[in-house]
Amino acid sequence: MWQTDFTYFKVIGWGWYYLSTVLDDYSRYIIHWELCDSMKAEDVKRTVNTAIEKAKLKSKAKPKLLSDNGSCYISNELRTYLKDDLKMKQVHGKPMHPQTQGKTERYHRTMKNVVKLNHFYHPEELVEALEKFVENYNNKRYHESLKNLPPADVYFGRSEQILEKRRQIKSDSIRKRRQLYFQQKLLSL
């Protein structure tokens, strides 16, 4: 399942811009994001299309798309496009219940807490800040809910290999500490 939602930014002298995000529900990996000048069905279609291309799912089964009940997400235009053209099932959260899309909502809050520390005077400045944040979020930022792995490691199937390596390192460290402890104990006798 994928989650999608919009959030907004004000660019000084330019007005409001809207960030459309597509997030993988299982791994929290940001598959695609796009800064738009509106929140219309065509913006959602473009964002979802690019996410499908990036995920290399053109001819494969598509995940479900979870969204809130914003006007762009409940439009007939988007519903028809997802169902008929993409063969993608759309799921809507309960009205007035943002927890249903909690992962996307939390991501947007985390991202805004960092990105909005600066003022932006041109949309390209905002795009650069978002690129930097998403790169860090996907590839370097550890998530406690993902066993302290970044989303990219889970999304690309590297998690078991990394977790096994961690278990081995922990086991080796414990063994070495015990060895050292007993050596020191024998020397003190």
N, C-alpha and C. Protein backbone atom coordinates (compact mmCIF):
# COMPACT_ATOMS: atom_id res chain seq x y z
N MET A 1 0.85 -1.17 0.00
CA MET A 1 0.00 0.00 0.00
C MET A 1 0.89 1.24 0.00
N TRP A 2 0.45 2.25 -0.71
CA TRP A 2 1.10 3.55 -0.71
C TRP A 2 0.16 4.55 -0.05
N GLN A 3 0.75 5.53 0.61
CA GLN A 3 -0.03 6.64 1.17
C GLN A 3 0.33 7.90 0.40
N THR A 4 -0.63 8.78 0.24
CA THR A 4 -0.36 10.05 -0.43
C THR A 4 -1.12 11.16 0.26
N ASP A 5 -0.52 12.34 0.23
CA ASP A 5 -1.16 13.50 0.82
C ASP A 5 -0.45 14.76 0.32
N PHE A 6 -1.09 15.90 0.54
CA PHE A 6 -0.52 17.20 0.24
C PHE A 6 -0.21 17.92 1.55
N THR A 7 0.80 18.75 1.52
CA THR A 7 1.04 19.74 2.56
C THR A 7 1.44 21.02 1.85
N TYR A 8 1.54 22.11 2.56
CA TYR A 8 1.74 23.39 1.88
C TYR A 8 2.90 24.18 2.47
N PHE A 9 3.45 25.07 1.65
CA PHE A 9 4.54 25.97 2.01
C PHE A 9 4.26 27.34 1.41
N LYS A 10 4.71 28.36 2.09
CA LYS A 10 4.62 29.70 1.51
C LYS A 10 6.03 30.13 1.10
N VAL A 11 6.17 30.49 -0.16
CA VAL A 11 7.43 31.00 -0.68
C VAL A 11 7.27 32.52 -0.76
N ILE A 12 8.12 33.22 -0.04
CA ILE A 12 8.00 34.69 0.07
C ILE A 12 8.09 35.33 -1.32
N GLY A 13 7.09 36.11 -1.64
CA GLY A 13 7.03 36.79 -2.93
C GLY A 13 6.46 35.94 -4.06
N TRP A 14 6.22 34.67 -3.81
CA TRP A 14 5.72 33.76 -4.84
C TRP A 14 4.36 33.18 -4.49
N GLY A 15 4.04 33.10 -3.22
CA GLY A 15 2.75 32.54 -2.80
C GLY A 15 2.86 31.12 -2.27
N TRP A 16 1.73 30.44 -2.30
CA TRP A 16 1.63 29.10 -1.73
C TRP A 16 2.00 28.03 -2.74
N TYR A 17 2.73 27.01 -2.26
CA TYR A 17 3.08 25.83 -3.05
C TYR A 17 2.67 24.61 -2.25
N TYR A 18 2.36 23.54 -2.96
CA TYR A 18 1.81 22.35 -2.33
C TYR A 18 2.69 21.14 -2.65
N LEU A 19 3.09 20.45 -1.60
CA LEU A 19 3.95 19.28 -1.74
C LEU A 19 3.09 18.03 -1.78
N SER A 20 3.14 17.31 -2.89
CA SER A 20 2.45 16.03 -3.04
C SER A 20 3.46 14.92 -2.80
N THR A 21 3.17 14.03 -1.88
CA THR A 21 4.10 12.97 -1.49
C THR A 21 3.45 11.61 -1.67
N VAL A 22 4.22 10.64 -2.17
CA VAL A 22 3.80 9.24 -2.22
C VAL A 22 4.79 8.45 -1.39
N LEU A 23 4.29 7.81 -0.34
CA LEU A 23 5.10 7.09 0.64
C LEU A 23 4.70 5.62 0.66
N ASP A 24 5.68 4.72 0.70
CA ASP A 24 5.40 3.29 0.82
C ASP A 24 4.99 3.02 2.27
N ASP A 25 3.82 2.44 2.47
CA ASP A 25 3.27 2.25 3.81
C ASP A 25 4.13 1.33 4.67
N TYR A 26 4.69 0.29 4.12
CA TYR A 26 5.44 -0.69 4.90
C TYR A 26 6.80 -0.14 5.33
N SER A 27 7.53 0.46 4.41
CA SER A 27 8.90 0.87 4.69
C SER A 27 9.05 2.35 5.02
N ARG A 28 8.01 3.13 4.81
CA ARG A 28 8.05 4.59 4.99
C ARG A 28 8.97 5.28 3.98
N TYR A 29 9.34 4.59 2.94
CA TYR A 29 10.21 5.13 1.91
C TYR A 29 9.43 6.13 1.07
N ILE A 30 10.01 7.32 0.85
CA ILE A 30 9.37 8.32 0.00
C ILE A 30 9.68 7.93 -1.44
N ILE A 31 8.68 7.41 -2.13
CA ILE A 31 8.87 6.95 -3.49
C ILE A 31 9.00 8.14 -4.43
N HIS A 32 8.12 9.12 -4.25
CA HIS A 32 8.19 10.32 -5.08
C HIS A 32 7.51 11.47 -4.36
N TRP A 33 8.02 12.65 -4.61
CA TRP A 33 7.40 13.88 -4.12
C TRP A 33 7.51 14.92 -5.22
N GLU A 34 6.59 15.84 -5.17
CA GLU A 34 6.59 16.87 -6.21
C GLU A 34 5.99 18.15 -5.64
N LEU A 35 6.64 19.27 -5.92
CA LEU A 35 6.13 20.56 -5.50
C LEU A 35 5.22 21.09 -6.60
N CYS A 36 3.97 21.35 -6.24
CA CYS A 36 2.96 21.77 -7.23
C CYS A 36 2.45 23.17 -6.87
N ASP A 37 1.89 23.85 -7.87
CA ASP A 37 1.32 25.16 -7.59
C ASP A 37 -0.19 25.08 -7.35
N SER A 38 -0.73 23.85 -7.31
CA SER A 38 -2.14 23.66 -6.99
C SER A 38 -2.30 22.26 -6.37
N MET A 39 -3.52 21.98 -5.91
CA MET A 39 -3.83 20.66 -5.37
C MET A 39 -5.01 20.09 -6.16
N LYS A 40 -4.75 19.75 -7.40
CA LYS A 40 -5.80 19.25 -8.27
C LYS A 40 -5.56 17.78 -8.60
N ALA A 41 -6.57 17.14 -9.15
CA ALA A 41 -6.47 15.73 -9.52
C ALA A 41 -5.32 15.50 -10.50
N GLU A 42 -5.10 16.44 -11.40
CA GLU A 42 -4.00 16.27 -12.37
C GLU A 42 -2.64 16.25 -11.67
N ASP A 43 -2.50 16.98 -10.56
CA ASP A 43 -1.26 16.95 -9.78
C ASP A 43 -1.06 15.59 -9.13
N VAL A 44 -2.14 15.02 -8.61
CA VAL A 44 -2.07 13.70 -8.00
C VAL A 44 -1.74 12.66 -9.06
N LYS A 45 -2.39 12.74 -10.22
CA LYS A 45 -2.14 11.79 -11.31
C LYS A 45 -0.67 11.82 -11.72
N ARG A 46 -0.13 13.00 -11.87
CA ARG A 46 1.28 13.16 -12.27
C ARG A 46 2.22 12.57 -11.21
N THR A 47 1.93 12.85 -9.95
CA THR A 47 2.77 12.35 -8.86
C THR A 47 2.71 10.84 -8.77
N VAL A 48 1.52 10.27 -8.86
CA VAL A 48 1.37 8.81 -8.79
C VAL A 48 2.03 8.15 -10.00
N ASN A 49 1.86 8.73 -11.18
CA ASN A 49 2.51 8.19 -12.39
C ASN A 49 4.02 8.12 -12.23
N THR A 50 4.60 9.20 -11.75
CA THR A 50 6.05 9.23 -11.57
C THR A 50 6.48 8.22 -10.51
N ALA A 51 5.69 8.07 -9.45
CA ALA A 51 6.01 7.07 -8.42
C ALA A 51 5.99 5.67 -9.02
N ILE A 52 5.02 5.38 -9.87
CA ILE A 52 4.94 4.07 -10.53
C ILE A 52 6.16 3.84 -11.41
N GLU A 53 6.57 4.87 -12.14
CA GLU A 53 7.76 4.76 -12.99
C GLU A 53 9.01 4.52 -12.15
N LYS A 54 9.16 5.28 -11.06
CA LYS A 54 10.34 5.13 -10.20
C LYS A 54 10.37 3.74 -9.55
N ALA A 55 9.20 3.23 -9.19
CA ALA A 55 9.11 1.91 -8.56
C ALA A 55 9.16 0.78 -9.58
N LYS A 56 9.21 1.13 -10.86
CA LYS A 56 9.26 0.16 -11.96
C LYS A 56 8.08 -0.81 -11.90
N LEU A 57 6.88 -0.23 -11.79
CA LEU A 57 5.65 -1.03 -11.70
C LEU A 57 4.74 -0.84 -12.90
N LYS A 58 5.28 -0.34 -14.01
CA LYS A 58 4.46 -0.08 -15.20
C LYS A 58 3.60 -1.27 -15.59
N SER A 59 4.20 -2.44 -15.70
CA SER A 59 3.46 -3.61 -16.18
C SER A 59 3.18 -4.60 -15.06
N LYS A 60 3.42 -4.21 -13.82
CA LYS A 60 3.20 -5.10 -12.67
C LYS A 60 1.97 -4.66 -11.90
N ALA A 61 1.57 -5.49 -10.94
CA ALA A 61 0.44 -5.15 -10.08
C ALA A 61 0.78 -3.92 -9.27
N LYS A 62 -0.18 -3.04 -9.14
CA LYS A 62 0.04 -1.78 -8.43
C LYS A 62 -0.44 -1.92 -6.99
N PRO A 63 0.18 -1.18 -6.08
CA PRO A 63 -0.30 -1.19 -4.69
C PRO A 63 -1.59 -0.37 -4.57
N LYS A 64 -2.27 -0.53 -3.46
CA LYS A 64 -3.42 0.32 -3.17
C LYS A 64 -2.90 1.72 -2.86
N LEU A 65 -3.73 2.71 -3.08
CA LEU A 65 -3.37 4.09 -2.80
C LEU A 65 -4.29 4.62 -1.71
N LEU A 66 -3.73 4.91 -0.55
CA LEU A 66 -4.48 5.44 0.59
C LEU A 66 -4.33 6.95 0.64
N SER A 67 -5.45 7.64 0.73
CA SER A 67 -5.43 9.10 0.81
C SER A 67 -6.53 9.58 1.74
N ASP A 68 -6.51 10.86 2.01
CA ASP A 68 -7.61 11.45 2.78
C ASP A 68 -8.77 11.76 1.82
N ASN A 69 -9.69 12.57 2.26
CA ASN A 69 -10.88 12.87 1.45
C ASN A 69 -10.84 14.27 0.87
N GLY A 70 -9.64 14.77 0.59
CA GLY A 70 -9.51 16.07 -0.06
C GLY A 70 -10.18 16.04 -1.43
N SER A 71 -10.57 17.21 -1.90
CA SER A 71 -11.34 17.28 -3.15
C SER A 71 -10.59 16.64 -4.34
N CYS A 72 -9.27 16.77 -4.37
CA CYS A 72 -8.53 16.18 -5.49
C CYS A 72 -8.53 14.65 -5.42
N TYR A 73 -8.62 14.09 -4.20
CA TYR A 73 -8.57 12.63 -4.04
C TYR A 73 -9.92 11.95 -4.25
N ILE A 74 -11.00 12.70 -4.07
CA ILE A 74 -12.33 12.09 -4.25
C ILE A 74 -12.96 12.45 -5.59
N SER A 75 -12.20 13.14 -6.44
CA SER A 75 -12.76 13.54 -7.74
C SER A 75 -12.99 12.33 -8.64
N ASN A 76 -14.01 12.44 -9.46
CA ASN A 76 -14.30 11.38 -10.43
C ASN A 76 -13.14 11.21 -11.41
N GLU A 77 -12.49 12.31 -11.75
CA GLU A 77 -11.37 12.27 -12.69
C GLU A 77 -10.25 11.36 -12.16
N LEU A 78 -9.89 11.51 -10.89
CA LEU A 78 -8.83 10.68 -10.31
C LEU A 78 -9.30 9.24 -10.12
N ARG A 79 -10.52 9.07 -9.64
CA ARG A 79 -11.06 7.73 -9.41
C ARG A 79 -11.05 6.92 -10.71
N THR A 80 -11.54 7.53 -11.78
CA THR A 80 -11.58 6.86 -13.09
C THR A 80 -10.17 6.56 -13.59
N TYR A 81 -9.28 7.51 -13.45
CA TYR A 81 -7.91 7.33 -13.92
C TYR A 81 -7.22 6.18 -13.18
N LEU A 82 -7.33 6.16 -11.85
CA LEU A 82 -6.68 5.11 -11.08
C LEU A 82 -7.28 3.74 -11.40
N LYS A 83 -8.60 3.68 -11.46
CA LYS A 83 -9.28 2.41 -11.68
C LYS A 83 -9.09 1.89 -13.11
N ASP A 84 -9.35 2.72 -14.10
CA ASP A 84 -9.36 2.26 -15.49
C ASP A 84 -7.98 2.28 -16.15
N ASP A 85 -7.24 3.36 -15.95
CA ASP A 85 -5.95 3.48 -16.63
C ASP A 85 -4.81 2.76 -15.90
N LEU A 86 -4.76 2.91 -14.58
CA LEU A 86 -3.64 2.33 -13.84
C LEU A 86 -3.96 0.98 -13.19
N LYS A 87 -5.25 0.63 -13.14
CA LYS A 87 -5.68 -0.61 -12.46
C LYS A 87 -5.19 -0.60 -11.01
N MET A 88 -5.43 0.51 -10.36
CA MET A 88 -4.96 0.74 -9.00
C MET A 88 -6.15 0.99 -8.10
N LYS A 89 -6.22 0.29 -6.97
CA LYS A 89 -7.33 0.47 -6.04
C LYS A 89 -7.06 1.68 -5.15
N GLN A 90 -8.09 2.48 -4.95
CA GLN A 90 -7.97 3.67 -4.12
C GLN A 90 -8.74 3.45 -2.82
N VAL A 91 -8.11 3.81 -1.71
CA VAL A 91 -8.72 3.68 -0.38
C VAL A 91 -8.68 5.06 0.26
N HIS A 92 -9.81 5.44 0.87
CA HIS A 92 -9.89 6.74 1.55
C HIS A 92 -9.96 6.52 3.05
N GLY A 93 -9.29 7.40 3.79
CA GLY A 93 -9.37 7.36 5.24
C GLY A 93 -10.71 7.86 5.72
N LYS A 94 -11.01 7.57 6.96
CA LYS A 94 -12.25 8.05 7.56
C LYS A 94 -12.22 9.57 7.62
N PRO A 95 -13.31 10.24 7.24
CA PRO A 95 -13.33 11.70 7.29
C PRO A 95 -13.02 12.22 8.70
N MET A 96 -12.25 13.31 8.75
CA MET A 96 -11.86 13.95 10.01
C MET A 96 -11.02 13.02 10.89
N HIS A 97 -10.30 12.09 10.28
CA HIS A 97 -9.48 11.13 11.03
C HIS A 97 -8.11 11.01 10.37
N PRO A 98 -7.23 12.00 10.57
CA PRO A 98 -5.92 12.00 9.88
C PRO A 98 -5.00 10.86 10.30
N GLN A 99 -5.31 10.17 11.41
CA GLN A 99 -4.47 9.07 11.86
C GLN A 99 -4.43 7.92 10.85
N THR A 100 -5.47 7.82 10.01
CA THR A 100 -5.49 6.76 9.01
C THR A 100 -4.29 6.89 8.08
N GLN A 101 -3.94 8.10 7.71
CA GLN A 101 -2.75 8.36 6.89
C GLN A 101 -1.62 8.85 7.80
N GLY A 102 -1.51 8.24 8.96
CA GLY A 102 -0.59 8.71 9.99
C GLY A 102 0.86 8.77 9.57
N LYS A 103 1.30 7.83 8.76
CA LYS A 103 2.71 7.82 8.36
C LYS A 103 3.04 9.01 7.48
N THR A 104 2.16 9.33 6.55
CA THR A 104 2.38 10.49 5.70
C THR A 104 2.26 11.77 6.52
N GLU A 105 1.27 11.84 7.38
CA GLU A 105 1.10 13.03 8.22
C GLU A 105 2.33 13.24 9.10
N ARG A 106 2.84 12.17 9.68
CA ARG A 106 4.02 12.28 10.55
C ARG A 106 5.25 12.68 9.74
N TYR A 107 5.38 12.10 8.55
CA TYR A 107 6.50 12.48 7.69
C TYR A 107 6.45 13.97 7.38
N HIS A 108 5.27 14.47 7.01
CA HIS A 108 5.16 15.89 6.68
C HIS A 108 5.50 16.77 7.88
N ARG A 109 5.08 16.35 9.06
CA ARG A 109 5.40 17.13 10.27
C ARG A 109 6.91 17.13 10.53
N THR A 110 7.54 15.96 10.44
CA THR A 110 8.98 15.86 10.65
C THR A 110 9.73 16.71 9.63
N MET A 111 9.32 16.60 8.39
CA MET A 111 9.98 17.33 7.31
C MET A 111 9.83 18.84 7.51
N LYS A 112 8.63 19.29 7.84
CA LYS A 112 8.40 20.72 8.02
C LYS A 112 9.18 21.27 9.21
N ASN A 113 9.37 20.45 10.26
CA ASN A 113 10.14 20.91 11.42
C ASN A 113 11.58 21.23 11.03
N VAL A 114 12.08 20.63 9.99
CA VAL A 114 13.44 20.89 9.53
C VAL A 114 13.45 21.93 8.41
N VAL A 115 12.65 21.70 7.38
CA VAL A 115 12.69 22.53 6.19
C VAL A 115 12.21 23.96 6.48
N LYS A 116 11.21 24.10 7.32
CA LYS A 116 10.65 25.43 7.56
C LYS A 116 11.49 26.27 8.52
N LEU A 117 12.66 25.78 8.91
CA LEU A 117 13.56 26.60 9.73
C LEU A 117 14.12 27.75 8.90
N ASN A 118 14.07 27.62 7.60
CA ASN A 118 14.58 28.65 6.68
C ASN A 118 13.42 29.32 5.94
N HIS A 119 13.66 30.54 5.51
CA HIS A 119 12.71 31.23 4.64
C HIS A 119 13.14 30.99 3.20
N PHE A 120 12.17 30.85 2.32
CA PHE A 120 12.47 30.60 0.92
C PHE A 120 11.92 31.76 0.09
N TYR A 121 12.78 32.26 -0.81
CA TYR A 121 12.42 33.40 -1.63
C TYR A 121 12.23 33.02 -3.09
N HIS A 122 12.43 31.75 -3.39
CA HIS A 122 12.22 31.24 -4.75
C HIS A 122 11.84 29.76 -4.61
N PRO A 123 10.91 29.27 -5.42
CA PRO A 123 10.51 27.86 -5.32
C PRO A 123 11.68 26.89 -5.46
N GLU A 124 12.69 27.24 -6.27
CA GLU A 124 13.84 26.34 -6.44
C GLU A 124 14.61 26.15 -5.14
N GLU A 125 14.66 27.18 -4.30
CA GLU A 125 15.31 27.05 -2.99
C GLU A 125 14.58 26.01 -2.15
N LEU A 126 13.26 26.04 -2.20
CA LEU A 126 12.44 25.07 -1.46
C LEU A 126 12.66 23.67 -2.02
N VAL A 127 12.70 23.53 -3.33
CA VAL A 127 12.92 22.22 -3.95
C VAL A 127 14.27 21.65 -3.52
N GLU A 128 15.30 22.48 -3.49
CA GLU A 128 16.63 22.01 -3.06
C GLU A 128 16.60 21.54 -1.61
N ALA A 129 15.93 22.28 -0.74
CA ALA A 129 15.83 21.90 0.67
C ALA A 129 15.06 20.58 0.82
N LEU A 130 14.00 20.42 0.03
CA LEU A 130 13.22 19.18 0.08
C LEU A 130 14.03 18.00 -0.43
N GLU A 131 14.78 18.19 -1.52
CA GLU A 131 15.63 17.12 -2.04
C GLU A 131 16.62 16.64 -0.99
N LYS A 132 17.24 17.59 -0.34
CA LYS A 132 18.23 17.27 0.70
C LYS A 132 17.57 16.51 1.86
N PHE A 133 16.39 16.98 2.28
CA PHE A 133 15.71 16.32 3.38
C PHE A 133 15.30 14.90 3.01
N VAL A 134 14.69 14.72 1.84
CA VAL A 134 14.22 13.39 1.42
C VAL A 134 15.39 12.42 1.28
N GLU A 135 16.50 12.88 0.74
CA GLU A 135 17.69 12.04 0.62
C GLU A 135 18.14 11.54 1.99
N ASN A 136 18.19 12.44 2.95
CA ASN A 136 18.57 12.07 4.31
C ASN A 136 17.53 11.14 4.94
N TYR A 137 16.26 11.49 4.79
CA TYR A 137 15.16 10.71 5.38
C TYR A 137 15.15 9.28 4.83
N ASN A 138 15.27 9.13 3.53
CA ASN A 138 15.20 7.80 2.92
C ASN A 138 16.43 6.95 3.19
N ASN A 139 17.61 7.56 3.23
CA ASN A 139 18.84 6.77 3.21
C ASN A 139 19.68 6.82 4.48
N LYS A 140 19.48 7.81 5.33
CA LYS A 140 20.37 7.93 6.50
C LYS A 140 19.65 7.98 7.83
N ARG A 141 18.43 8.44 7.85
CA ARG A 141 17.70 8.63 9.11
C ARG A 141 17.13 7.29 9.59
N TYR A 142 17.57 6.88 10.78
CA TYR A 142 17.10 5.62 11.34
C TYR A 142 15.72 5.79 11.94
N HIS A 143 14.87 4.76 11.76
CA HIS A 143 13.51 4.77 12.28
C HIS A 143 13.37 3.66 13.32
N GLU A 144 13.00 4.04 14.51
CA GLU A 144 12.84 3.05 15.57
C GLU A 144 11.83 1.98 15.19
N SER A 145 10.75 2.38 14.52
CA SER A 145 9.72 1.42 14.14
C SER A 145 10.18 0.46 13.05
N LEU A 146 11.31 0.77 12.39
CA LEU A 146 11.88 -0.10 11.35
C LEU A 146 13.12 -0.82 11.87
N LYS A 147 13.17 -1.05 13.20
CA LYS A 147 14.32 -1.71 13.84
C LYS A 147 15.60 -0.91 13.62
N ASN A 148 15.46 0.39 13.71
CA ASN A 148 16.58 1.32 13.54
C ASN A 148 17.29 1.17 12.21
N LEU A 149 16.50 1.06 11.17
CA LEU A 149 17.01 1.05 9.80
C LEU A 149 16.43 2.25 9.06
N PRO A 150 17.13 2.76 8.06
CA PRO A 150 16.51 3.80 7.23
C PRO A 150 15.50 3.16 6.27
N PRO A 151 14.52 3.92 5.82
CA PRO A 151 13.49 3.37 4.94
C PRO A 151 14.03 2.68 3.68
N ALA A 152 15.10 3.21 3.09
CA ALA A 152 15.63 2.62 1.85
C ALA A 152 16.08 1.17 2.07
N ASP A 153 16.67 0.88 3.22
CA ASP A 153 17.12 -0.49 3.49
C ASP A 153 15.95 -1.46 3.57
N VAL A 154 14.84 -1.01 4.12
CA VAL A 154 13.64 -1.85 4.20
C VAL A 154 12.98 -1.96 2.83
N TYR A 155 12.82 -0.84 2.15
CA TYR A 155 12.16 -0.81 0.85
C TYR A 155 12.88 -1.68 -0.19
N PHE A 156 14.20 -1.63 -0.20
CA PHE A 156 14.97 -2.38 -1.19
C PHE A 156 15.37 -3.78 -0.71
N GLY A 157 14.84 -4.23 0.43
CA GLY A 157 15.04 -5.60 0.89
C GLY A 157 16.40 -5.90 1.49
N ARG A 158 17.07 -4.91 2.02
CA ARG A 158 18.38 -5.13 2.62
C ARG A 158 18.31 -5.32 4.13
N SER A 159 17.12 -5.26 4.71
CA SER A 159 17.00 -5.23 6.16
C SER A 159 17.50 -6.50 6.84
N GLU A 160 17.14 -7.66 6.35
CA GLU A 160 17.57 -8.91 7.00
C GLU A 160 19.08 -9.06 7.01
N GLN A 161 19.71 -8.72 5.91
CA GLN A 161 21.17 -8.80 5.81
C GLN A 161 21.83 -7.86 6.84
N ILE A 162 21.32 -6.65 6.96
CA ILE A 162 21.88 -5.68 7.90
C ILE A 162 21.63 -6.11 9.34
N LEU A 163 20.42 -6.59 9.62
CA LEU A 163 20.10 -7.02 10.98
C LEU A 163 20.94 -8.24 11.38
N GLU A 164 21.18 -9.15 10.44
CA GLU A 164 22.03 -10.31 10.73
C GLU A 164 23.45 -9.86 11.03
N LYS A 165 23.96 -8.91 10.27
CA LYS A 165 25.31 -8.39 10.52
C LYS A 165 25.37 -7.74 11.90
N ARG A 166 24.34 -7.00 12.28
CA ARG A 166 24.29 -6.39 13.61
C ARG A 166 24.30 -7.44 14.70
N ARG A 167 23.51 -8.53 14.51
CA ARG A 167 23.49 -9.60 15.51
C ARG A 167 24.87 -10.23 15.67
N GLN A 168 25.56 -10.41 14.55
CA GLN A 168 26.90 -11.00 14.59
C GLN A 168 27.88 -10.09 15.31
N ILE A 169 27.83 -8.82 15.02
CA ILE A 169 28.71 -7.84 15.69
C ILE A 169 28.43 -7.82 17.18
N LYS A 170 27.16 -7.85 17.56
CA LYS A 170 26.80 -7.84 18.98
C LYS A 170 27.31 -9.10 19.67
N SER A 171 27.11 -10.23 19.03
CA SER A 171 27.58 -11.50 19.60
C SER A 171 29.09 -11.50 19.77
N ASP A 172 29.82 -11.04 18.76
CA ASP A 172 31.29 -10.96 18.83
C ASP A 172 31.73 -10.01 19.94
N SER A 173 31.05 -8.89 20.07
CA SER A 173 31.40 -7.91 21.10
C SER A 173 31.20 -8.48 22.49
N ILE A 174 30.08 -9.17 22.70
CA ILE A 174 29.81 -9.77 24.01
C ILE A 174 30.87 -10.81 24.33
N ARG A 175 31.20 -11.63 23.35
CA ARG A 175 32.22 -12.67 23.56
C ARG A 175 33.56 -12.05 23.92
N LYS A 176 33.97 -10.99 23.22
CA LYS A 176 35.25 -10.32 23.49
C LYS A 176 35.25 -9.66 24.87
N ARG A 177 34.13 -9.06 25.25
CA ARG A 177 34.04 -8.43 26.58
C ARG A 177 34.17 -9.46 27.69
N ARG A 178 33.52 -10.59 27.51
CA ARG A 178 33.63 -11.66 28.52
C ARG A 178 35.06 -12.15 28.63
N GLN A 179 35.69 -12.35 27.48
CA GLN A 179 37.08 -12.78 27.45
C GLN A 179 37.96 -11.80 28.21
N LEU A 180 37.80 -10.54 27.92
CA LEU A 180 38.59 -9.49 28.56
C LEU A 180 38.32 -9.44 30.06
N TYR A 181 37.06 -9.58 30.44
CA TYR A 181 36.68 -9.57 31.85
C TYR A 181 37.38 -10.69 32.60
N PHE A 182 37.32 -11.91 32.04
CA PHE A 182 37.94 -13.05 32.71
C PHE A 182 39.46 -12.93 32.74
N GLN A 183 40.05 -12.37 31.71
CA GLN A 183 41.50 -12.14 31.71
C GLN A 183 41.90 -11.18 32.82
N GLN A 184 41.13 -10.11 32.96
CA GLN A 184 41.43 -9.12 34.01
C GLN A 184 41.23 -9.71 35.39
N LYS A 185 40.23 -10.55 35.53
CA LYS A 185 39.93 -11.19 36.82
C LYS A 185 41.08 -12.12 37.20
N LEU A 186 41.61 -12.89 36.23
CA LEU A 186 42.72 -13.79 36.50
C LEU A 186 43.98 -13.02 36.86
N LEU A 187 44.21 -11.89 36.22
CA LEU A 187 45.40 -11.09 36.52
C LEU A 187 45.32 -10.45 37.91
N SER A 188 44.14 -10.17 38.38
CA SER A 188 43.98 -9.54 39.70
C SER A 188 44.12 -10.55 40.82
N LEU A 189 44.12 -11.84 40.55
CA LEU A 189 44.27 -12.86 41.60
C LEU A 189 45.66 -13.04 42.02
